[in-house]
PDB file of N, CA and C in Angstrom:
ATOM      1  N   MET A   1       3.315 -86.164-175.996  1.00  0.00           N
ATOM      2  CA  MET A   1       3.159 -87.140-174.586  1.00  0.00           C
ATOM      3  C   MET A   1       3.974 -88.253-175.092  1.00  0.00           C
ATOM      4  N   ILE A   2       4.875 -88.850-174.865  1.00  0.00           N
ATOM      5  CA  ILE A   2       5.659 -89.904-175.066  1.00  0.00           C
ATOM      6  C   ILE A   2       4.882 -91.269-174.222  1.00  0.00           C
ATOM      7  N   HIS A   3       4.920 -92.134-174.975  1.00  0.00           N
ATOM      8  CA  HIS A   3       4.548 -93.103-173.799  1.00  0.00           C
ATOM      9  C   HIS A   3       5.960 -94.603-174.527  1.00  0.00           C
ATOM     10  N   THR A   4       5.947 -95.309-173.434  1.00  0.00           N
ATOM     11  CA  THR A   4       7.014 -96.094-173.483  1.00  0.00           C
ATOM     12  C   THR A   4       6.108 -97.595-173.074  1.00  0.00           C
ATOM     13  N   ALA A   5       6.439 -98.560-173.811  1.00  0.00           N
ATOM     14  CA  ALA A   5       5.551 -99.900-173.406  1.00  0.00           C
ATOM     15  C   ALA A   5       6.801-100.572-173.186  1.00  0.00           C
ATOM     16  N   ILE A   6       7.020-101.266-171.910  1.00  0.00           N
ATOM     17  CA  ILE A   6       7.799-101.958-171.172  1.00  0.00           C
ATOM     18  C   ILE A   6       7.766-103.515-170.759  1.00  0.00           C
ATOM     19  N   GLY A   7       8.223-104.344-171.635  1.00  0.00           N
ATOM     20  CA  GLY A   7       7.682-105.932-172.131  1.00  0.00           C
ATOM     21  C   GLY A   7       8.799-106.691-171.122  1.00  0.00           C
ATOM     22  N   ARG A   8       8.464-107.830-169.820  1.00  0.00           N
ATOM     23  CA  ARG A   8       9.125-108.912-169.252  1.00  0.00           C
ATOM     24  C   ARG A   8       9.076-109.774-169.952  1.00  0.00           C
ATOM     25  N   PHE A   9       9.522-110.817-170.562  1.00  0.00           N
ATOM     26  CA  PHE A   9       9.113-112.130-171.122  1.00  0.00           C
ATOM     27  C   PHE A   9       9.681-113.151-170.724  1.00  0.00           C
ATOM     28  N   THR A  10       9.034-114.220-169.659  1.00  0.00           N
ATOM     29  CA  THR A  10       9.916-115.200-169.009  1.00  0.00           C
ATOM     30  C   THR A  10       9.790-116.561-170.019  1.00  0.00           C
ATOM     31  N   LEU A  11      10.703-117.129-170.665  1.00  0.00           N
ATOM     32  CA  LEU A  11      10.594-117.908-171.476  1.00  0.00           C
ATOM     33  C   LEU A  11      11.159-119.612-170.799  1.00  0.00           C
ATOM     34  N   ARG A  12      10.801-120.788-171.078  1.00  0.00           N
ATOM     35  CA  ARG A  12      11.918-121.974-171.092  1.00  0.00           C
ATOM     36  C   ARG A  12      11.976-122.905-172.235  1.00  0.00           C
ATOM     37  N   ALA A  13      13.200-123.254-172.321  1.00  0.00           N
ATOM     38  CA  ALA A  13      13.456-123.718-173.159  1.00  0.00           C
ATOM     39  C   ALA A  13      14.123-125.235-172.608  1.00  0.00           C
ATOM     40  N   ASP A  14      13.304-126.635-172.754  1.00  0.00           N
ATOM     41  CA  ASP A  14      13.923-127.655-171.792  1.00  0.00           C
ATOM     42  C   ASP A  14      14.668-128.443-172.643  1.00  0.00           C
ATOM     43  N   HIS A  15      14.879-128.359-174.280  1.00  0.00           N
ATOM     44  CA  HIS A  15      15.719-128.474-174.985  1.00  0.00           C
ATOM     45  C   HIS A  15      17.127-128.153-175.141  1.00  0.00           C
ATOM     46  N   VAL A  16      17.192-127.083-174.422  1.00  0.00           N
ATOM     47  CA  VAL A  16      18.756-126.443-174.902  1.00  0.00           C
ATOM     48  C   VAL A  16      19.533-126.855-173.528  1.00  0.00           C
ATOM     49  N   ASN A  17      20.366-127.587-173.943  1.00  0.00           N
ATOM     50  CA  ASN A  17      21.376-128.421-173.012  1.00  0.00           C
ATOM     51  C   ASN A  17      22.758-127.023-172.274  1.00  0.00           C
ATOM     52  N   SER A  18      23.329-126.560-172.891  1.00  0.00           N
ATOM     53  CA  SER A  18      24.337-125.146-172.560  1.00  0.00           C
ATOM     54  C   SER A  18      23.743-124.064-172.540  1.00  0.00           C
ATOM     55  N   LEU A  19      24.561-123.129-171.960  1.00  0.00           N
ATOM     56  CA  LEU A  19      24.879-121.839-172.357  1.00  0.00           C
ATOM     57  C   LEU A  19      25.060-121.419-173.429  1.00  0.00           C
ATOM     58  N   LYS A  20      25.883-122.381-174.013  1.00  0.00           N
ATOM     59  CA  LYS A  20      26.107-121.438-175.484  1.00  0.00           C
ATOM     60  C   LYS A  20      24.720-121.519-176.539  1.00  0.00           C
ATOM     61  N   GLU A  21      24.031-122.765-176.557  1.00  0.00           N
ATOM     62  CA  GLU A  21      22.932-123.249-177.123  1.00  0.00           C
ATOM     63  C   GLU A  21      22.110-122.033-176.419  1.00  0.00           C
ATOM     64  N   LYS A  22      21.591-121.526-175.663  1.00  0.00           N
ATOM     65  CA  LYS A  22      20.841-120.635-175.128  1.00  0.00           C
ATOM     66  C   LYS A  22      20.924-119.258-175.446  1.00  0.00           C
ATOM     67  N   ARG A  23      22.492-118.847-175.616  1.00  0.00           N
ATOM     68  CA  ARG A  23      23.032-117.267-176.632  1.00  0.00           C
ATOM     69  C   ARG A  23      22.422-117.315-178.010  1.00  0.00           C
ATOM     70  N   SER A  24      22.445-118.819-178.554  1.00  0.00           N
ATOM     71  CA  SER A  24      22.029-118.844-179.518  1.00  0.00           C
ATOM     72  C   SER A  24      20.793-118.529-180.065  1.00  0.00           C
ATOM     73  N   ILE A  25      20.016-118.947-179.343  1.00  0.00           N
ATOM     74  CA  ILE A  25      18.555-118.705-179.208  1.00  0.00           C
ATOM     75  C   ILE A  25      17.856-117.513-178.716  1.00  0.00           C
ATOM     76  N   VAL A  26      18.726-117.067-177.888  1.00  0.00           N
ATOM     77  CA  VAL A  26      18.323-115.774-177.023  1.00  0.00           C
ATOM     78  C   VAL A  26      18.343-114.601-178.249  1.00  0.00           C
ATOM     79  N   SER A  27      20.242-114.773-179.196  1.00  0.00           N
ATOM     80  CA  SER A  27      20.227-113.811-179.724  1.00  0.00           C
ATOM     81  C   SER A  27      19.349-113.614-181.038  1.00  0.00           C
ATOM     82  N   GLY A  28      18.950-114.853-181.211  1.00  0.00           N
ATOM     83  CA  GLY A  28      18.418-115.019-182.381  1.00  0.00           C
ATOM     84  C   GLY A  28      16.866-114.288-182.143  1.00  0.00           C
ATOM     85  N   LEU A  29      16.011-114.580-181.306  1.00  0.00           N
ATOM     86  CA  LEU A  29      14.714-113.867-180.745  1.00  0.00           C
ATOM     87  C   LEU A  29      15.015-112.413-180.735  1.00  0.00           C
ATOM     88  N   LYS A  30      16.340-112.049-179.965  1.00  0.00           N
ATOM     89  CA  LYS A  30      16.018-110.691-179.760  1.00  0.00           C
ATOM     90  C   LYS A  30      16.513-110.208-181.125  1.00  0.00           C
ATOM     91  N   SER A  31      17.256-110.378-182.221  1.00  0.00           N
ATOM     92  CA  SER A  31      17.418-109.597-183.546  1.00  0.00           C
ATOM     93  C   SER A  31      15.864-109.708-184.388  1.00  0.00           C
ATOM     94  N   ARG A  32      15.495-111.004-184.532  1.00  0.00           N
ATOM     95  CA  ARG A  32      14.000-110.883-185.077  1.00  0.00           C
ATOM     96  C   ARG A  32      13.112-109.884-184.583  1.00  0.00           C
ATOM     97  N   VAL A  33      13.234-110.189-182.870  1.00  0.00           N
ATOM     98  CA  VAL A  33      11.735-108.924-182.676  1.00  0.00           C
ATOM     99  C   VAL A  33      12.491-107.480-183.094  1.00  0.00           C
ATOM    100  N   SER A  34      13.618-107.383-182.460  1.00  0.00           N
ATOM    101  CA  SER A  34      13.980-105.695-182.942  1.00  0.00           C
ATOM    102  C   SER A  34      13.813-105.870-184.306  1.00  0.00           C
ATOM    103  N   SER A  35      14.316-106.745-185.442  1.00  0.00           N
ATOM    104  CA  SER A  35      14.180-106.098-187.136  1.00  0.00           C
ATOM    105  C   SER A  35      12.799-105.835-187.458  1.00  0.00           C
ATOM    106  N   ARG A  36      11.969-106.569-186.781  1.00  0.00           N
ATOM    107  CA  ARG A  36      10.401-107.311-186.999  1.00  0.00           C
ATOM    108  C   ARG A  36       9.823-105.974-186.745  1.00  0.00           C
ATOM    109  N   PHE A  37       9.555-105.687-185.506  1.00  0.00           N
ATOM    110  CA  PHE A  37       8.872-104.602-184.300  1.00  0.00           C
ATOM    111  C   PHE A  37       9.498-103.372-184.033  1.00  0.00           C
ATOM    112  N   ASN A  38      10.602-102.801-184.566  1.00  0.00           N
ATOM    113  CA  ASN A  38      11.205-101.754-184.223  1.00  0.00           C
ATOM    114  C   ASN A  38      11.396-101.498-183.005  1.00  0.00           C
ATOM    115  N   ALA A  39      11.599-102.648-181.832  1.00  0.00           N
ATOM    116  CA  ALA A  39      11.755-102.468-180.410  1.00  0.00           C
ATOM    117  C   ALA A  39      12.646-102.983-180.068  1.00  0.00           C
ATOM    118  N   SER A  40      13.520-102.610-178.760  1.00  0.00           N
ATOM    119  CA  SER A  40      14.705-102.564-178.411  1.00  0.00           C
ATOM    120  C   SER A  40      14.410-103.445-177.110  1.00  0.00           C
ATOM    121  N   THR A  41      15.742-104.780-177.491  1.00  0.00           N
ATOM    122  CA  THR A  41      15.667-105.809-176.965  1.00  0.00           C
ATOM    123  C   THR A  41      16.662-105.875-176.265  1.00  0.00           C
ATOM    124  N   CYS A  42      16.442-106.871-174.949  1.00  0.00           N
ATOM    125  CA  CYS A  42      18.171-107.145-173.951  1.00  0.00           C
ATOM    126  C   CYS A  42      17.508-108.369-173.525  1.00  0.00           C
ATOM    127  N   GLU A  43      18.502-109.285-173.198  1.00  0.00           N
ATOM    128  CA  GLU A  43      18.318-110.257-172.318  1.00  0.00           C
ATOM    129  C   GLU A  43      18.655-109.752-170.930  1.00  0.00           C
ATOM    130  N   ALA A  44      17.243-110.049-170.451  1.00  0.00           N
ATOM    131  CA  ALA A  44      17.215-109.081-168.741  1.00  0.00           C
ATOM    132  C   ALA A  44      17.411-110.046-167.436  1.00  0.00           C
ATOM    133  N   ASP A  45      17.694-111.074-167.435  1.00  0.00           N
ATOM    134  CA  ASP A  45      17.692-111.901-166.258  1.00  0.00           C
ATOM    135  C   ASP A  45      17.993-113.393-166.503  1.00  0.00           C
ATOM    136  N   LEU A  46      18.607-113.978-165.479  1.00  0.00           N
ATOM    137  CA  LEU A  46      18.395-115.495-165.461  1.00  0.00           C
ATOM    138  C   LEU A  46      19.453-115.865-166.448  1.00  0.00           C
ATOM    139  N   MET A  47      20.755-115.190-166.680  1.00  0.00           N
ATOM    140  CA  MET A  47      21.837-115.624-167.556  1.00  0.00           C
ATOM    141  C   MET A  47      22.691-116.787-167.343  1.00  0.00           C
ATOM    142  N   ASP A  48      22.317-116.910-166.071  1.00  0.00           N
ATOM    143  CA  ASP A  48      23.059-118.368-165.500  1.00  0.00           C
ATOM    144  C   ASP A  48      22.597-119.784-165.871  1.00  0.00           C
ATOM    145  N   SER A  49      21.284-119.682-166.036  1.00  0.00           N
ATOM    146  CA  SER A  49      20.280-120.621-166.525  1.00  0.00           C
ATOM    147  C   SER A  49      20.356-120.782-167.947  1.00  0.00           C
ATOM    148  N   HIS A  50      20.953-122.169-168.287  1.00  0.00           N
ATOM    149  CA  HIS A  50      20.488-122.720-169.526  1.00  0.00           C
ATOM    150  C   HIS A  50      19.069-122.892-170.145  1.00  0.00           C
ATOM    151  N   LYS A  51      18.320-123.166-169.386  1.00  0.00           N
ATOM    152  CA  LYS A  51      17.061-123.663-169.448  1.00  0.00           C
ATOM    153  C   LYS A  51      16.011-122.139-169.466  1.00  0.00           C
ATOM    154  N   ASP A  52      15.969-121.281-168.867  1.00  0.00           N
ATOM    155  CA  ASP A  52      15.326-119.926-168.733  1.00  0.00           C
ATOM    156  C   ASP A  52      15.684-118.977-168.906  1.00  0.00           C
ATOM    157  N   ILE A  53      14.778-118.316-169.620  1.00  0.00           N
ATOM    158  CA  ILE A  53      15.116-117.014-170.463  1.00  0.00           C
ATOM    159  C   ILE A  53      14.065-115.888-170.207  1.00  0.00           C
ATOM    160  N   VAL A  54      14.861-114.769-170.080  1.00  0.00           N
ATOM    161  CA  VAL A  54      14.160-113.358-169.777  1.00  0.00           C
ATOM    162  C   VAL A  54      14.844-112.615-170.447  1.00  0.00           C
ATOM    163  N   ILE A  55      13.636-112.117-171.680  1.00  0.00           N
ATOM    164  CA  ILE A  55      14.008-110.954-172.512  1.00  0.00           C
ATOM    165  C   ILE A  55      13.154-109.668-172.134  1.00  0.00           C
ATOM    166  N   GLY A  56      13.620-108.417-172.453  1.00  0.00           N
ATOM    167  CA  GLY A  56      13.188-107.396-171.816  1.00  0.00           C
ATOM    168  C   GLY A  56      12.895-106.746-173.400  1.00  0.00           C
ATOM    169  N   VAL A  57      11.418-106.142-173.027  1.00  0.00           N
ATOM    170  CA  VAL A  57      11.458-105.378-175.094  1.00  0.00           C
ATOM    171  C   VAL A  57      11.103-103.742-174.250  1.00  0.00           C
ATOM    172  N   ALA A  58      11.191-102.911-175.007  1.00  0.00           N
ATOM    173  CA  ALA A  58      10.772-101.604-175.254  1.00  0.00           C
ATOM    174  C   ALA A  58      10.560-100.830-176.317  1.00  0.00           C
ATOM    175  N   VAL A  59       9.330-100.070-176.592  1.00  0.00           N
ATOM    176  CA  VAL A  59       8.827 -99.904-177.472  1.00  0.00           C
ATOM    177  C   VAL A  59       8.311 -98.505-176.871  1.00  0.00           C
ATOM    178  N   VAL A  60       8.763 -97.428-178.005  1.00  0.00           N
ATOM    179  CA  VAL A  60       7.839 -95.709-177.946  1.00  0.00           C
ATOM    180  C   VAL A  60       7.321 -95.391-178.702  1.00  0.00           C
ATOM    181  N   SER A  61       6.510 -94.609-178.508  1.00  0.00           N
ATOM    182  CA  SER A  61       5.280 -93.984-179.238  1.00  0.00           C
ATOM    183  C   SER A  61       5.237 -92.970-179.078  1.00  0.00           C
ATOM    184  N   GLY A  62       3.947 -92.488-179.859  1.00  0.00           N
ATOM    185  CA  GLY A  62       4.057 -90.824-179.184  1.00  0.00           C
ATOM    186  C   GLY A  62       2.074 -91.886-178.695  1.00  0.00           C
ATOM    187  N   SER A  63       1.561 -92.419-179.066  1.00  0.00           N
ATOM    188  CA  SER A  63       0.536 -92.643-178.904  1.00  0.00           C
ATOM    189  C   SER A  63       0.567 -94.014-177.947  1.00  0.00           C
ATOM    190  N   LYS A  64      -0.463 -93.927-176.466  1.00  0.00           N
ATOM    191  CA  LYS A  64      -0.637 -95.207-175.429  1.00  0.00           C
ATOM    192  C   LYS A  64      -1.000 -95.882-176.503  1.00  0.00           C
ATOM    193  N   GLU A  65      -2.217 -96.106-177.158  1.00  0.00           N
ATOM    194  CA  GLU A  65      -2.660 -97.858-177.790  1.00  0.00           C
ATOM    195  C   GLU A  65      -1.671 -98.072-179.056  1.00  0.00           C
ATOM    196  N   THR A  66      -0.845 -97.011-179.558  1.00  0.00           N
ATOM    197  CA  THR A  66      -0.016 -97.949-180.875  1.00  0.00           C
ATOM    198  C   THR A  66       0.818 -98.675-179.861  1.00  0.00           C
ATOM    199  N   ALA A  67       1.285 -98.379-178.507  1.00  0.00           N
ATOM    200  CA  ALA A  67       2.544 -98.655-177.826  1.00  0.00           C
ATOM    201  C   ALA A  67       2.233-100.047-177.233  1.00  0.00           C
ATOM    202  N   MET A  68       0.731 -99.974-176.938  1.00  0.00           N
ATOM    203  CA  MET A  68       0.192-101.432-176.075  1.00  0.00           C
ATOM    204  C   MET A  68      -0.220-102.027-177.143  1.00  0.00           C
ATOM    205  N   ARG A  69      -0.443-101.633-178.451  1.00  0.00           N
ATOM    206  CA  ARG A  69      -0.961-102.530-179.343  1.00  0.00           C
ATOM    207  C   ARG A  69       0.420-102.994-180.376  1.00  0.00           C
ATOM    208  N   GLU A  70       1.501-102.674-180.202  1.00  0.00           N
ATOM    209  CA  GLU A  70       2.616-103.090-180.536  1.00  0.00           C
ATOM    210  C   GLU A  70       3.055-103.820-179.736  1.00  0.00           C
ATOM    211  N   MET A  71       2.975-103.687-177.935  1.00  0.00           N
ATOM    212  CA  MET A  71       3.917-105.129-177.619  1.00  0.00           C
ATOM    213  C   MET A  71       3.020-106.018-177.485  1.00  0.00           C
ATOM    214  N   GLY A  72       1.401-106.001-177.819  1.00  0.00           N
ATOM    215  CA  GLY A  72       0.677-107.412-177.665  1.00  0.00           C
ATOM    216  C   GLY A  72       0.968-108.260-179.048  1.00  0.00           C
ATOM    217  N   ARG A  73       1.548-107.253-179.910  1.00  0.00           N
ATOM    218  CA  ARG A  73       1.786-108.312-181.350  1.00  0.00           C
ATOM    219  C   ARG A  73       3.137-108.690-180.996  1.00  0.00           C
ATOM    220  N   ILE A  74       4.236-107.837-180.395  1.00  0.00           N
ATOM    221  CA  ILE A  74       5.670-108.595-179.606  1.00  0.00           C
ATOM    222  C   ILE A  74       4.909-109.767-178.980  1.00  0.00           C
ATOM    223  N   ALA A  75       4.091-109.682-178.056  1.00  0.00           N
ATOM    224  CA  ALA A  75       3.545-110.938-176.872  1.00  0.00           C
ATOM    225  C   ALA A  75       3.732-111.955-177.732  1.00  0.00           C
ATOM    226  N   ASP A  76       2.762-111.839-178.717  1.00  0.00           N
ATOM    227  CA  ASP A  76       2.277-112.869-179.630  1.00  0.00           C
ATOM    228  C   ASP A  76       3.186-113.910-180.389  1.00  0.00           C
ATOM    229  N   PHE A  77       3.824-113.226-180.945  1.00  0.00           N
ATOM    230  CA  PHE A  77       5.182-113.333-181.733  1.00  0.00           C
ATOM    231  C   PHE A  77       6.079-114.253-180.729  1.00  0.00           C
ATOM    232  N   ILE A  78       6.412-113.251-179.786  1.00  0.00           N
ATOM    233  CA  ILE A  78       7.232-114.347-178.666  1.00  0.00           C
ATOM    234  C   ILE A  78       6.974-115.695-178.390  1.00  0.00           C
ATOM    235  N   ASP A  79       5.347-115.590-178.379  1.00  0.00           N
ATOM    236  CA  ASP A  79       4.640-116.799-177.619  1.00  0.00           C
ATOM    237  C   ASP A  79       4.661-117.572-179.031  1.00  0.00           C
ATOM    238  N   LEU A  80       4.546-117.303-180.011  1.00  0.00           N
ATOM    239  CA  LEU A  80       4.670-118.265-180.891  1.00  0.00           C
ATOM    240  C   LEU A  80       6.008-118.450-182.320  1.00  0.00           C
ATOM    241  N   ASN A  81       6.817-118.243-181.466  1.00  0.00           N
ATOM    242  CA  ASN A  81       8.466-118.302-181.822  1.00  0.00           C
ATOM    243  C   ASN A  81       8.527-119.522-181.953  1.00  0.00           C
ATOM    244  N   GLY A  82       8.657-120.524-181.447  1.00  0.00           N
ATOM    245  CA  GLY A  82       8.458-121.847-181.289  1.00  0.00           C
ATOM    246  C   GLY A  82       9.992-122.817-180.883  1.00  0.00           C
ATOM    247  N   VAL A  83      10.713-121.422-180.349  1.00  0.00           N
ATOM    248  CA  VAL A  83      12.443-121.782-179.715  1.00  0.00           C
ATOM    249  C   VAL A  83      12.294-121.772-178.305  1.00  0.00           C
ATOM    250  N   ALA A  84      10.950-121.797-177.768  1.00  0.00           N
ATOM    251  CA  ALA A  84      10.970-121.753-176.073  1.00  0.00           C
ATOM    252  C   ALA A  84       9.526-121.075-175.940  1.00  0.00           C
ATOM    253  N   GLU A  85       9.171-122.007-174.756  1.00  0.00           N
ATOM    254  CA  GLU A  85       7.622-121.698-174.286  1.00  0.00           C
ATOM    255  C   GLU A  85       7.477-120.448-173.276  1.00  0.00           C
ATOM    256  N   LEU A  86       6.937-119.633-173.611  1.00  0.00           N
ATOM    257  CA  LEU A  86       6.415-118.799-172.658  1.00  0.00           C
ATOM    258  C   LEU A  86       5.510-119.058-171.386  1.00  0.00           C
ATOM    259  N   ILE A  87       6.458-118.486-170.519  1.00  0.00           N
ATOM    260  CA  ILE A  87       5.895-118.737-169.191  1.00  0.00           C
ATOM    261  C   ILE A  87       4.871-117.906-168.425  1.00  0.00           C
ATOM    262  N   SER A  88       5.558-116.395-169.031  1.00  0.00           N
ATOM    263  CA  SER A  88       4.545-115.501-168.250  1.00  0.00           C
ATOM    264  C   SER A  88       5.430-114.036-169.173  1.00  0.00           C
ATOM    265  N   GLU A  89       4.669-113.379-169.135  1.00  0.00           N
ATOM    266  CA  GLU A  89       4.975-111.938-169.322  1.00  0.00           C
ATOM    267  C   GLU A  89       4.337-110.178-168.459  1.00  0.00           C
ATOM    268  N   GLU A  90       5.304-109.677-168.038  1.00  0.00           N
ATOM    269  CA  GLU A  90       4.686-108.216-167.303  1.00  0.00           C
ATOM    270  C   GLU A  90       4.822-106.937-168.867  1.00  0.00           C
ATOM    271  N   ILE A  91       3.851-106.442-168.610  1.00  0.00           N
ATOM    272  CA  ILE A  91       3.801-105.396-169.988  1.00  0.00           C
ATOM    273  C   ILE A  91       3.232-104.166-168.770  1.00  0.00           C
ATOM    274  N   GLU A  92       4.349-102.983-168.687  1.00  0.00           N
ATOM    275  CA  GLU A  92       3.605-101.885-168.390  1.00  0.00           C
ATOM    276  C   GLU A  92       4.130-100.895-169.745  1.00  0.00           C
ATOM    277  N   ILE A  93       2.853 -99.513-169.170  1.00  0.00           N
ATOM    278  CA  ILE A  93       3.156 -98.558-169.659  1.00  0.00           C
ATOM    279  C   ILE A  93       4.010 -97.267-169.201  1.00  0.00           C
ATOM    280  N   HIS A  94       4.728 -96.471-169.293  1.00  0.00           N
ATOM    281  CA  HIS A  94       4.762 -95.019-169.021  1.00  0.00           C
ATOM    282  C   HIS A  94       4.387 -94.245-169.781  1.00  0.00           C
ATOM    283  N   SER A  95       4.261 -92.919-169.353  1.00  0.00           N
ATOM    284  CA  SER A  95       3.687 -92.104-169.860  1.00  0.00           C
ATOM    285  C   SER A  95       4.585 -90.581-169.562  1.00  0.00           C
ATOM    286  N   PHE A  96       5.025 -89.449-170.551  1.00  0.00           N
ATOM    287  CA  PHE A  96       6.071 -88.527-170.011  1.00  0.00           C
ATOM    288  C   PHE A  96       5.649 -87.089-170.789  1.00  0.00           C
TER     289      PHE A  96
END
């Protein structure tokens, strides 16, 4: 069976003053998450807001527990990243 954990992380970056600065933060965060956790990432929403960031993350695993554990580690990493405040997180798992 294949298990996919999908996360939507909403962050707030009050110190950001332009979309260019936000793109730099988002790009760096996506890159760090992807390389450290072997996860797929994207900027998922609020692309025209320079202070709000929504990052989508997907992890695929043969084990439901492994997928959820990895998504939990990613959530902790995003929360502690220091470039923006984590406002909310939504995590779902789908099994096929």
